Amino acid sequence: MQSGDKIDAIVSFIKDLRDSLQSDQSSDDNVSYTKNTFWNNSITELNWEISVMTDEIATLQLEVDQMNLDYTNYQKETDILNKELALLDEKQQTLENLRAQDVIFYNTRVSRQNNMIFALNVIISNLTYIVDSQSFISKSQVVDELKKLGKDQALIGLITLSTSFTPTDLNKIIQKLKEIKTALTASVAEDDAYEQVAQTNFLNLIAEFETCRSNVQNSLDDIANKMADLLQKIANDQNTIADDQAQITVAQQQVDEYTKQQNDFNALYQTRFTAR
């Protein structure tokens, strides 16, 4: 350089080298800017997506927890309603048993009364024939007729105390028997009326049981539908949560990959920058 030989060439070479380094740096800066912009934007977008999905998972999990609680409450309501159905069945069975006993008692009572009425008609007819025919009247004849009513009839006791019978006495007995028959006939009619009322009341109660049972069953069906809907919604939310979690995993892996790529690139960039 002191001799001045080839100074211009050396200066030119240095300038060219500087320009080349500046051009390389500029190009490297542009690439660095482009890549870092891509990585920064991508990582920001991915982190935003992760944040959104994380919030969605939290919201869905709260919904699932609440729906599980609702489902448990519906199960408790179902248990209560099933117990109500069982109680209705038990009460109806008790009512039907009592009604069956009442019918048996009614039929037995009416049958006995009708038999007594039939016997009274026969006895009254026979005693009337005796009076009308003015045939010989013995105590045994009257007692035999009255025994058809049963051994505990009060009239038999009175008659056995009598010593003789006149047509007038016998007519009194016949009149008394007619009064007894009239009372029995009225009793049968009264029993029939009570039986009709009892049957009507029984059928009305059975109808009320059926109405209550239908209402409870409708409530059970409604709850069952709600529980099925809840299970479907819970399954849908859980599927969405699983999908979000899978996407978060993929997104986080991509963030980690972009971060590594960016760090590696920037480390090399800094090395090149220092070298230049």
C-alpha atoms as a PDB file:
ATOM      1  CA  MET A   1       0.000   0.000   0.000  1.00  0.00           C
ATOM      2  CA  GLN A   2       2.979   2.308   0.670  1.00  0.00           C
ATOM      3  CA  SER A   3       4.199   1.740  -2.827  1.00  0.00           C
ATOM      4  CA  GLY A   4       0.744   2.492  -4.165  1.00  0.00           C
ATOM      5  CA  ASP A   5       0.588  -0.700  -6.113  1.00  0.00           C
ATOM      6  CA  LYS A   6      -2.896  -1.979  -6.786  1.00  0.00           C
ATOM      7  CA  ILE A   7      -4.479   0.250  -4.133  1.00  0.00           C
ATOM      8  CA  ASP A   8      -7.509   0.886  -6.235  1.00  0.00           C
ATOM      9  CA  ALA A   9      -8.036  -2.818  -6.751  1.00  0.00           C
ATOM     10  CA  ILE A  10      -7.822  -3.532  -3.048  1.00  0.00           C
ATOM     11  CA  VAL A  11     -10.177  -0.678  -2.184  1.00  0.00           C
ATOM     12  CA  SER A  12     -12.592  -1.886  -4.832  1.00  0.00           C
ATOM     13  CA  PHE A  13     -12.415  -5.419  -3.457  1.00  0.00           C
ATOM     14  CA  ILE A  14     -13.105  -4.206   0.062  1.00  0.00           C
ATOM     15  CA  LYS A  15     -16.008  -2.085  -1.129  1.00  0.00           C
ATOM     16  CA  ASP A  16     -17.409  -5.027  -3.043  1.00  0.00           C
ATOM     17  CA  LEU A  17     -16.965  -7.219   0.001  1.00  0.00           C
ATOM     18  CA  ARG A  18     -18.723  -4.652   2.170  1.00  0.00           C
ATOM     19  CA  ASP A  19     -21.536  -4.256  -0.310  1.00  0.00           C
ATOM     20  CA  SER A  20     -21.889  -8.012  -0.520  1.00  0.00           C
ATOM     21  CA  LEU A  21     -22.009  -8.303   3.245  1.00  0.00           C
ATOM     22  CA  GLN A  22     -24.552  -5.492   3.447  1.00  0.00           C
ATOM     23  CA  SER A  23     -26.638  -7.110   0.733  1.00  0.00           C
ATOM     24  CA  ASP A  24     -26.459 -10.477   2.460  1.00  0.00           C
ATOM     25  CA  GLN A  25     -27.399  -8.850   5.751  1.00  0.00           C
ATOM     26  CA  SER A  26     -30.279  -7.017   4.167  1.00  0.00           C
ATOM     27  CA  SER A  27     -31.498 -10.189   2.531  1.00  0.00           C
ATOM     28  CA  ASP A  28     -31.025 -12.070   5.787  1.00  0.00           C
ATOM     29  CA  ASP A  29     -32.920  -9.330   7.629  1.00  0.00           C
ATOM     30  CA  ASN A  30     -35.812  -9.604   5.178  1.00  0.00           C
ATOM     31  CA  VAL A  31     -35.948 -13.348   5.549  1.00  0.00           C
ATOM     32  CA  SER A  32     -35.689 -13.006   9.315  1.00  0.00           C
ATOM     33  CA  TYR A  33     -38.496 -10.475   9.358  1.00  0.00           C
ATOM     34  CA  THR A  34     -40.715 -12.624   7.162  1.00  0.00           C
ATOM     35  CA  LYS A  35     -40.079 -15.803   9.099  1.00  0.00           C
ATOM     36  CA  ASN A  36     -40.382 -14.184  12.527  1.00  0.00           C
ATOM     37  CA  THR A  37     -43.557 -12.407  11.441  1.00  0.00           C
ATOM     38  CA  PHE A  38     -45.000 -15.744  10.329  1.00  0.00           C
ATOM     39  CA  TRP A  39     -43.928 -17.500  13.514  1.00  0.00           C
ATOM     40  CA  ASN A  40     -45.085 -14.685  15.774  1.00  0.00           C
ATOM     41  CA  ASN A  41     -48.478 -14.441  14.040  1.00  0.00           C
ATOM     42  CA  SER A  42     -48.896 -18.207  13.935  1.00  0.00           C
ATOM     43  CA  ILE A  43     -47.959 -18.642  17.573  1.00  0.00           C
ATOM     44  CA  THR A  44     -50.276 -15.769  18.587  1.00  0.00           C
ATOM     45  CA  GLU A  45     -53.151 -17.245  16.593  1.00  0.00           C
ATOM     46  CA  LEU A  46     -52.526 -20.722  17.971  1.00  0.00           C
ATOM     47  CA  ASN A  47     -52.327 -19.421  21.530  1.00  0.00           C
ATOM     48  CA  TRP A  48     -55.571 -17.543  20.946  1.00  0.00           C
ATOM     49  CA  GLU A  49     -57.212 -20.731  19.671  1.00  0.00           C
ATOM     50  CA  ILE A  50     -55.866 -22.621  22.675  1.00  0.00           C
ATOM     51  CA  SER A  51     -57.261 -19.939  24.981  1.00  0.00           C
ATOM     52  CA  VAL A  52     -60.672 -20.040  23.261  1.00  0.00           C
ATOM     53  CA  MET A  53     -60.843 -23.827  23.430  1.00  0.00           C
ATOM     54  CA  THR A  54     -59.666 -23.801  27.051  1.00  0.00           C
ATOM     55  CA  ASP A  55     -62.473 -21.377  27.938  1.00  0.00           C
ATOM     56  CA  GLU A  56     -64.928 -23.513  25.999  1.00  0.00           C
ATOM     57  CA  ILE A  57     -63.786 -26.632  27.872  1.00  0.00           C
ATOM     58  CA  ALA A  58     -64.258 -24.842  31.206  1.00  0.00           C
ATOM     59  CA  THR A  59     -67.759 -23.691  30.191  1.00  0.00           C
ATOM     60  CA  LEU A  60     -68.726 -27.118  28.901  1.00  0.00           C
ATOM     61  CA  GLN A  61     -67.391 -28.798  32.013  1.00  0.00           C
ATOM     62  CA  LEU A  62     -69.579 -26.529  34.153  1.00  0.00           C
ATOM     63  CA  GLU A  63     -72.552 -27.489  31.977  1.00  0.00           C
ATOM     64  CA  VAL A  64     -71.721 -31.177  32.323  1.00  0.00           C
ATOM     65  CA  ASP A  65     -71.426 -30.846  36.110  1.00  0.00           C
ATOM     66  CA  GLN A  66     -74.786 -29.077  36.287  1.00  0.00           C
ATOM     67  CA  MET A  67     -76.433 -31.628  33.994  1.00  0.00           C
ATOM     68  CA  ASN A  68     -75.043 -34.470  36.101  1.00  0.00           C
ATOM     69  CA  LEU A  69     -76.550 -32.783  39.161  1.00  0.00           C
ATOM     70  CA  ASP A  70     -79.887 -32.389  37.329  1.00  0.00           C
ATOM     71  CA  TYR A  71     -79.726 -36.037  36.310  1.00  0.00           C
ATOM     72  CA  THR A  72     -79.190 -37.087  39.936  1.00  0.00           C
ATOM     73  CA  ASN A  73     -82.164 -34.962  41.007  1.00  0.00           C
ATOM     74  CA  TYR A  74     -84.307 -36.554  38.288  1.00  0.00           C
ATOM     75  CA  GLN A  75     -83.284 -39.977  39.585  1.00  0.00           C
ATOM     76  CA  LYS A  76     -84.458 -38.965  43.067  1.00  0.00           C
ATOM     77  CA  GLU A  77     -87.761 -37.703  41.635  1.00  0.00           C
ATOM     78  CA  THR A  78     -88.134 -40.981  39.754  1.00  0.00           C
ATOM     79  CA  ASP A  79     -87.620 -42.957  42.960  1.00  0.00           C
ATOM     80  CA  ILE A  80     -90.255 -40.862  44.737  1.00  0.00           C
ATOM     81  CA  LEU A  81     -92.767 -41.269  41.906  1.00  0.00           C
ATOM     82  CA  ASN A  82     -92.168 -45.013  41.727  1.00  0.00           C
ATOM     83  CA  LYS A  83     -92.853 -45.226  45.461  1.00  0.00           C
ATOM     84  CA  GLU A  84     -96.070 -43.269  44.876  1.00  0.00           C
ATOM     85  CA  LEU A  85     -97.075 -45.781  42.209  1.00  0.00           C
ATOM     86  CA  ALA A  86     -96.350 -48.665  44.563  1.00  0.00           C
ATOM     87  CA  LEU A  87     -98.380 -46.975  47.304  1.00  0.00           C
ATOM     88  CA  LEU A  88    -101.277 -46.396  44.902  1.00  0.00           C
ATOM     89  CA  ASP A  89    -101.188 -50.059  43.900  1.00  0.00           C
ATOM     90  CA  GLU A  90    -101.146 -51.107  47.551  1.00  0.00           C
ATOM     91  CA  LYS A  91    -104.066 -48.840  48.478  1.00  0.00           C
ATOM     92  CA  GLN A  92    -106.074 -49.922  45.449  1.00  0.00           C
ATOM     93  CA  GLN A  93    -105.447 -53.583  46.277  1.00  0.00           C
ATOM     94  CA  THR A  94    -106.617 -52.969  49.843  1.00  0.00           C
ATOM     95  CA  LEU A  95    -109.727 -51.204  48.542  1.00  0.00           C
ATOM     96  CA  GLU A  96    -110.470 -54.036  46.123  1.00  0.00           C
ATOM     97  CA  ASN A  97    -110.041 -56.627  48.900  1.00  0.00           C
ATOM     98  CA  LEU A  98    -112.404 -54.731  51.190  1.00  0.00           C
ATOM     99  CA  ARG A  99    -114.881 -54.339  48.373  1.00  0.00           C
ATOM    100  CA  ALA A 100    -114.734 -58.056  47.606  1.00  0.00           C
ATOM    101  CA  GLN A 101    -115.467 -58.823  51.277  1.00  0.00           C
ATOM    102  CA  ASP A 102    -118.381 -56.363  51.256  1.00  0.00           C
ATOM    103  CA  VAL A 103    -119.820 -58.056  48.177  1.00  0.00           C
ATOM    104  CA  ILE A 104    -119.537 -61.469  49.841  1.00  0.00           C
ATOM    105  CA  PHE A 105    -121.244 -60.169  52.984  1.00  0.00           C
ATOM    106  CA  TYR A 106    -123.923 -58.470  50.896  1.00  0.00           C
ATOM    107  CA  ASN A 107    -124.641 -61.579  48.836  1.00  0.00           C
ATOM    108  CA  THR A 108    -124.725 -63.762  51.959  1.00  0.00           C
ATOM    109  CA  ARG A 109    -127.002 -61.354  53.809  1.00  0.00           C
ATOM    110  CA  VAL A 110    -129.390 -60.851  50.902  1.00  0.00           C
ATOM    111  CA  SER A 111    -129.464 -64.582  50.151  1.00  0.00           C
ATOM    112  CA  ARG A 112    -130.326 -65.347  53.772  1.00  0.00           C
ATOM    113  CA  GLN A 113    -133.018 -62.658  53.812  1.00  0.00           C
ATOM    114  CA  ASN A 114    -134.506 -63.873  50.521  1.00  0.00           C
ATOM    115  CA  ASN A 115    -134.553 -67.425  51.870  1.00  0.00           C
ATOM    116  CA  MET A 116    -136.376 -66.179  54.963  1.00  0.00           C
ATOM    117  CA  ILE A 117    -138.848 -64.260  52.804  1.00  0.00           C
ATOM    118  CA  PHE A 118    -139.458 -67.371  50.725  1.00  0.00           C
ATOM    119  CA  ALA A 119    -139.951 -69.424  53.891  1.00  0.00           C
ATOM    120  CA  LEU A 120    -142.315 -66.804  55.316  1.00  0.00           C
ATOM    121  CA  ASN A 121    -144.401 -66.884  52.153  1.00  0.00           C
ATOM    122  CA  VAL A 122    -144.690 -70.658  52.449  1.00  0.00           C
ATOM    123  CA  ILE A 123    -145.511 -70.521  56.169  1.00  0.00           C
ATOM    124  CA  ILE A 124    -148.024 -67.699  55.771  1.00  0.00           C
ATOM    125  CA  SER A 125    -149.668 -69.604  52.960  1.00  0.00           C
ATOM    126  CA  ASN A 126    -149.824 -72.835  55.004  1.00  0.00           C
ATOM    127  CA  LEU A 127    -151.141 -71.125  58.137  1.00  0.00           C
ATOM    128  CA  THR A 128    -153.688 -69.187  56.105  1.00  0.00           C
ATOM    129  CA  TYR A 129    -154.837 -72.444  54.563  1.00  0.00           C
ATOM    130  CA  ILE A 130    -155.247 -73.907  58.041  1.00  0.00           C
ATOM    131  CA  VAL A 131    -157.362 -70.948  59.143  1.00  0.00           C
ATOM    132  CA  ASP A 132    -159.429 -70.882  55.959  1.00  0.00           C
ATOM    133  CA  SER A 133    -160.066 -74.615  56.039  1.00  0.00           C
ATOM    134  CA  GLN A 134    -160.867 -74.475  59.777  1.00  0.00           C
ATOM    135  CA  SER A 135    -158.975 -77.693  60.180  1.00  0.00           C
ATOM    136  CA  PHE A 136    -157.680 -78.912  63.499  1.00  0.00           C
ATOM    137  CA  ILE A 137    -154.890 -76.676  64.745  1.00  0.00           C
ATOM    138  CA  SER A 138    -152.200 -78.164  66.893  1.00  0.00           C
ATOM    139  CA  LYS A 139    -149.275 -76.448  68.526  1.00  0.00           C
ATOM    140  CA  SER A 140    -146.924 -78.814  66.752  1.00  0.00           C
ATOM    141  CA  GLN A 141    -148.290 -77.754  63.357  1.00  0.00           C
ATOM    142  CA  VAL A 142    -147.582 -74.103  64.020  1.00  0.00           C
ATOM    143  CA  VAL A 143    -144.184 -74.792  65.580  1.00  0.00           C
ATOM    144  CA  ASP A 144    -143.187 -77.007  62.655  1.00  0.00           C
ATOM    145  CA  GLU A 145    -144.035 -74.255  60.227  1.00  0.00           C
ATOM    146  CA  LEU A 146    -142.235 -71.585  62.219  1.00  0.00           C
ATOM    147  CA  LYS A 147    -139.134 -73.741  62.590  1.00  0.00           C
ATOM    148  CA  LYS A 148    -138.602 -73.225  58.886  1.00  0.00           C
ATOM    149  CA  LEU A 149    -137.493 -69.711  59.858  1.00  0.00           C
ATOM    150  CA  GLY A 150    -134.780 -71.013  62.158  1.00  0.00           C
ATOM    151  CA  LYS A 151    -134.495 -72.206  65.716  1.00  0.00           C
ATOM    152  CA  ASP A 152    -133.863 -68.765  67.176  1.00  0.00           C
ATOM    153  CA  GLN A 153    -137.124 -67.140  66.127  1.00  0.00           C
ATOM    154  CA  ALA A 154    -138.794 -65.384  69.041  1.00  0.00           C
ATOM    155  CA  LEU A 155    -142.229 -66.383  67.825  1.00  0.00           C
ATOM    156  CA  ILE A 156    -141.463 -70.052  68.437  1.00  0.00           C
ATOM    157  CA  GLY A 157    -140.716 -69.272  72.060  1.00  0.00           C
ATOM    158  CA  LEU A 158    -144.006 -67.434  72.472  1.00  0.00           C
ATOM    159  CA  ILE A 159    -145.959 -70.140  70.730  1.00  0.00           C
ATOM    160  CA  THR A 160    -144.503 -72.913  72.843  1.00  0.00           C
ATOM    161  CA  LEU A 161    -145.850 -71.066  75.889  1.00  0.00           C
ATOM    162  CA  SER A 162    -149.359 -71.089  74.505  1.00  0.00           C
ATOM    163  CA  THR A 163    -151.692 -73.969  75.333  1.00  0.00           C
ATOM    164  CA  SER A 164    -154.050 -73.747  72.392  1.00  0.00           C
ATOM    165  CA  PHE A 165    -154.641 -71.928  69.169  1.00  0.00           C
ATOM    166  CA  THR A 166    -157.802 -70.351  67.928  1.00  0.00           C
ATOM    167  CA  PRO A 167    -158.276 -68.922  64.444  1.00  0.00           C
ATOM    168  CA  THR A 168    -157.979 -65.469  66.011  1.00  0.00           C
ATOM    169  CA  ASP A 169    -154.644 -66.377  67.602  1.00  0.00           C
ATOM    170  CA  LEU A 170    -153.395 -67.838  64.386  1.00  0.00           C
ATOM    171  CA  ASN A 171    -154.437 -64.756  62.398  1.00  0.00           C
ATOM    172  CA  LYS A 172    -152.390 -62.658  64.810  1.00  0.00           C
ATOM    173  CA  ILE A 173    -149.421 -64.884  64.153  1.00  0.00           C
ATOM    174  CA  ILE A 174    -149.987 -64.633  60.408  1.00  0.00           C
ATOM    175  CA  GLN A 175    -150.181 -60.836  60.667  1.00  0.00           C
ATOM    176  CA  LYS A 176    -146.945 -60.767  62.653  1.00  0.00           C
ATOM    177  CA  LEU A 177    -145.259 -62.959  60.064  1.00  0.00           C
ATOM    178  CA  LYS A 178    -146.442 -60.620  57.316  1.00  0.00           C
ATOM    179  CA  GLU A 179    -144.955 -57.709  59.217  1.00  0.00           C
ATOM    180  CA  ILE A 180    -141.658 -59.589  59.500  1.00  0.00           C
ATOM    181  CA  LYS A 181    -141.745 -60.362  55.765  1.00  0.00           C
ATOM    182  CA  THR A 182    -142.443 -56.695  54.971  1.00  0.00           C
ATOM    183  CA  ALA A 183    -139.502 -55.645  57.158  1.00  0.00           C
ATOM    184  CA  LEU A 184    -137.240 -58.214  55.496  1.00  0.00           C
ATOM    185  CA  THR A 185    -138.344 -57.090  52.030  1.00  0.00           C
ATOM    186  CA  ALA A 186    -137.619 -53.480  52.983  1.00  0.00           C
ATOM    187  CA  SER A 187    -134.239 -54.557  54.381  1.00  0.00           C
ATOM    188  CA  VAL A 188    -133.364 -56.304  51.115  1.00  0.00           C
ATOM    189  CA  ALA A 189    -134.366 -53.198  49.141  1.00  0.00           C
ATOM    190  CA  GLU A 190    -132.276 -51.052  51.476  1.00  0.00           C
ATOM    191  CA  ASP A 191    -129.315 -53.413  51.117  1.00  0.00           C
ATOM    192  CA  ASP A 192    -129.698 -53.281  47.338  1.00  0.00           C
ATOM    193  CA  ALA A 193    -129.696 -49.477  47.423  1.00  0.00           C
ATOM    194  CA  TYR A 194    -126.640 -49.408  49.692  1.00  0.00           C
ATOM    195  CA  GLU A 195    -124.917 -51.910  47.426  1.00  0.00           C
ATOM    196  CA  GLN A 196    -125.541 -49.763  44.355  1.00  0.00           C
ATOM    197  CA  VAL A 197    -124.150 -46.704  46.164  1.00  0.00           C
ATOM    198  CA  ALA A 198    -121.167 -48.702  47.428  1.00  0.00           C
ATOM    199  CA  GLN A 199    -120.477 -50.031  43.924  1.00  0.00           C
ATOM    200  CA  THR A 200    -120.705 -46.523  42.448  1.00  0.00           C
ATOM    201  CA  ASN A 201    -118.384 -45.135  45.125  1.00  0.00           C
ATOM    202  CA  PHE A 202    -115.972 -48.017  44.553  1.00  0.00           C
ATOM    203  CA  LEU A 203    -115.870 -47.422  40.794  1.00  0.00           C
ATOM    204  CA  ASN A 204    -115.351 -43.691  41.367  1.00  0.00           C
ATOM    205  CA  LEU A 205    -112.440 -44.414  43.704  1.00  0.00           C
ATOM    206  CA  ILE A 206    -110.947 -46.833  41.186  1.00  0.00           C
ATOM    207  CA  ALA A 207    -111.257 -44.119  38.532  1.00  0.00           C
ATOM    208  CA  GLU A 208    -109.471 -41.679  40.862  1.00  0.00           C
ATOM    209  CA  PHE A 209    -106.709 -44.235  41.404  1.00  0.00           C
ATOM    210  CA  GLU A 210    -106.349 -44.639  37.649  1.00  0.00           C
ATOM    211  CA  THR A 211    -106.235 -40.868  37.166  1.00  0.00           C
ATOM    212  CA  CYS A 212    -103.553 -40.515  39.856  1.00  0.00           C
ATOM    213  CA  ARG A 213    -101.629 -43.429  38.402  1.00  0.00           C
ATOM    214  CA  SER A 214    -101.851 -41.926  34.917  1.00  0.00           C
ATOM    215  CA  ASN A 215    -100.626 -38.542  36.189  1.00  0.00           C
ATOM    216  CA  VAL A 216     -97.699 -40.140  38.016  1.00  0.00           C
ATOM    217  CA  GLN A 217     -96.840 -42.248  34.976  1.00  0.00           C
ATOM    218  CA  ASN A 218     -96.957 -39.169  32.740  1.00  0.00           C
ATOM    219  CA  SER A 219     -94.561 -37.446  35.130  1.00  0.00           C
ATOM    220  CA  LEU A 220     -92.283 -40.481  35.014  1.00  0.00           C
ATOM    221  CA  ASP A 221     -92.358 -40.507  31.210  1.00  0.00           C
ATOM    222  CA  ASP A 222     -91.611 -36.780  31.096  1.00  0.00           C
ATOM    223  CA  ILE A 223     -88.687 -37.184  33.497  1.00  0.00           C
ATOM    224  CA  ALA A 224     -87.409 -40.185  31.531  1.00  0.00           C
ATOM    225  CA  ASN A 225     -87.390 -38.057  28.354  1.00  0.00           C
ATOM    226  CA  LYS A 226     -85.573 -35.264  30.161  1.00  0.00           C
ATOM    227  CA  MET A 227     -83.005 -37.712  31.515  1.00  0.00           C
ATOM    228  CA  ALA A 228     -82.456 -39.144  28.037  1.00  0.00           C
ATOM    229  CA  ASP A 229     -81.985 -35.606  26.661  1.00  0.00           C
ATOM    230  CA  LEU A 230     -79.525 -34.838  29.460  1.00  0.00           C
ATOM    231  CA  LEU A 231     -77.509 -37.965  28.748  1.00  0.00           C
ATOM    232  CA  GLN A 232     -77.350 -37.025  25.067  1.00  0.00           C
ATOM    233  CA  LYS A 233     -76.282 -33.458  25.874  1.00  0.00           C
ATOM    234  CA  ILE A 234     -73.692 -34.701  28.370  1.00  0.00           C
ATOM    235  CA  ALA A 235     -72.299 -37.074  25.743  1.00  0.00           C
ATOM    236  CA  ASN A 236     -72.204 -34.269  23.147  1.00  0.00           C
ATOM    237  CA  ASP A 237     -70.433 -31.893  25.535  1.00  0.00           C
ATOM    238  CA  GLN A 238     -67.953 -34.566  26.564  1.00  0.00           C
ATOM    239  CA  ASN A 239     -67.217 -35.306  22.909  1.00  0.00           C
ATOM    240  CA  THR A 240     -66.682 -31.603  22.277  1.00  0.00           C
ATOM    241  CA  ILE A 241     -64.392 -31.398  25.323  1.00  0.00           C
ATOM    242  CA  ALA A 242     -62.398 -34.381  24.061  1.00  0.00           C
ATOM    243  CA  ASP A 243     -62.126 -32.829  20.595  1.00  0.00           C
ATOM    244  CA  ASP A 244     -61.027 -29.496  22.060  1.00  0.00           C
ATOM    245  CA  GLN A 245     -58.459 -31.203  24.244  1.00  0.00           C
ATOM    246  CA  ALA A 246     -57.098 -33.095  21.243  1.00  0.00           C
ATOM    247  CA  GLN A 247     -56.939 -29.860  19.212  1.00  0.00           C
ATOM    248  CA  ILE A 248     -55.232 -28.061  22.105  1.00  0.00           C
ATOM    249  CA  THR A 249     -52.629 -30.799  22.211  1.00  0.00           C
ATOM    250  CA  VAL A 250     -52.008 -30.489  18.467  1.00  0.00           C
ATOM    251  CA  ALA A 251     -51.976 -26.684  18.663  1.00  0.00           C
ATOM    252  CA  GLN A 252     -49.579 -26.691  21.602  1.00  0.00           C
ATOM    253  CA  GLN A 253     -47.280 -29.077  19.768  1.00  0.00           C
ATOM    254  CA  GLN A 254     -47.380 -26.723  16.786  1.00  0.00           C
ATOM    255  CA  VAL A 255     -46.607 -23.750  19.063  1.00  0.00           C
ATOM    256  CA  ASP A 256     -43.680 -25.653  20.532  1.00  0.00           C
ATOM    257  CA  GLU A 257     -42.453 -26.578  17.045  1.00  0.00           C
ATOM    258  CA  TYR A 258     -42.767 -23.006  15.763  1.00  0.00           C
ATOM    259  CA  THR A 259     -41.018 -21.705  18.878  1.00  0.00           C
ATOM    260  CA  LYS A 260     -38.140 -24.156  18.381  1.00  0.00           C
ATOM    261  CA  GLN A 261     -37.869 -23.286  14.693  1.00  0.00           C
ATOM    262  CA  GLN A 262     -37.862 -19.582  15.517  1.00  0.00           C
ATOM    263  CA  ASN A 263     -35.266 -19.941  18.282  1.00  0.00           C
ATOM    264  CA  ASP A 264     -33.034 -22.101  16.098  1.00  0.00           C
ATOM    265  CA  PHE A 265     -33.358 -19.713  13.164  1.00  0.00           C
ATOM    266  CA  ASN A 266     -32.717 -16.620  15.287  1.00  0.00           C
ATOM    267  CA  ALA A 267     -29.683 -18.263  16.890  1.00  0.00           C
ATOM    268  CA  LEU A 268     -28.214 -18.940  13.449  1.00  0.00           C
ATOM    269  CA  TYR A 269     -29.212 -15.465  12.311  1.00  0.00           C
ATOM    270  CA  GLN A 270     -27.399 -13.942  15.280  1.00  0.00           C
ATOM    271  CA  THR A 271     -24.347 -16.070  14.470  1.00  0.00           C
ATOM    272  CA  ARG A 272     -24.353 -14.883  10.843  1.00  0.00           C
ATOM    273  CA  PHE A 273     -24.971 -11.318  11.934  1.00  0.00           C
ATOM    274  CA  THR A 274     -22.005 -11.426  14.325  1.00  0.00           C
ATOM    275  CA  ALA A 275     -19.826 -13.055  11.715  1.00  0.00           C
ATOM    276  CA  ARG A 276     -20.643 -10.346   9.178  1.00  0.00           C
END
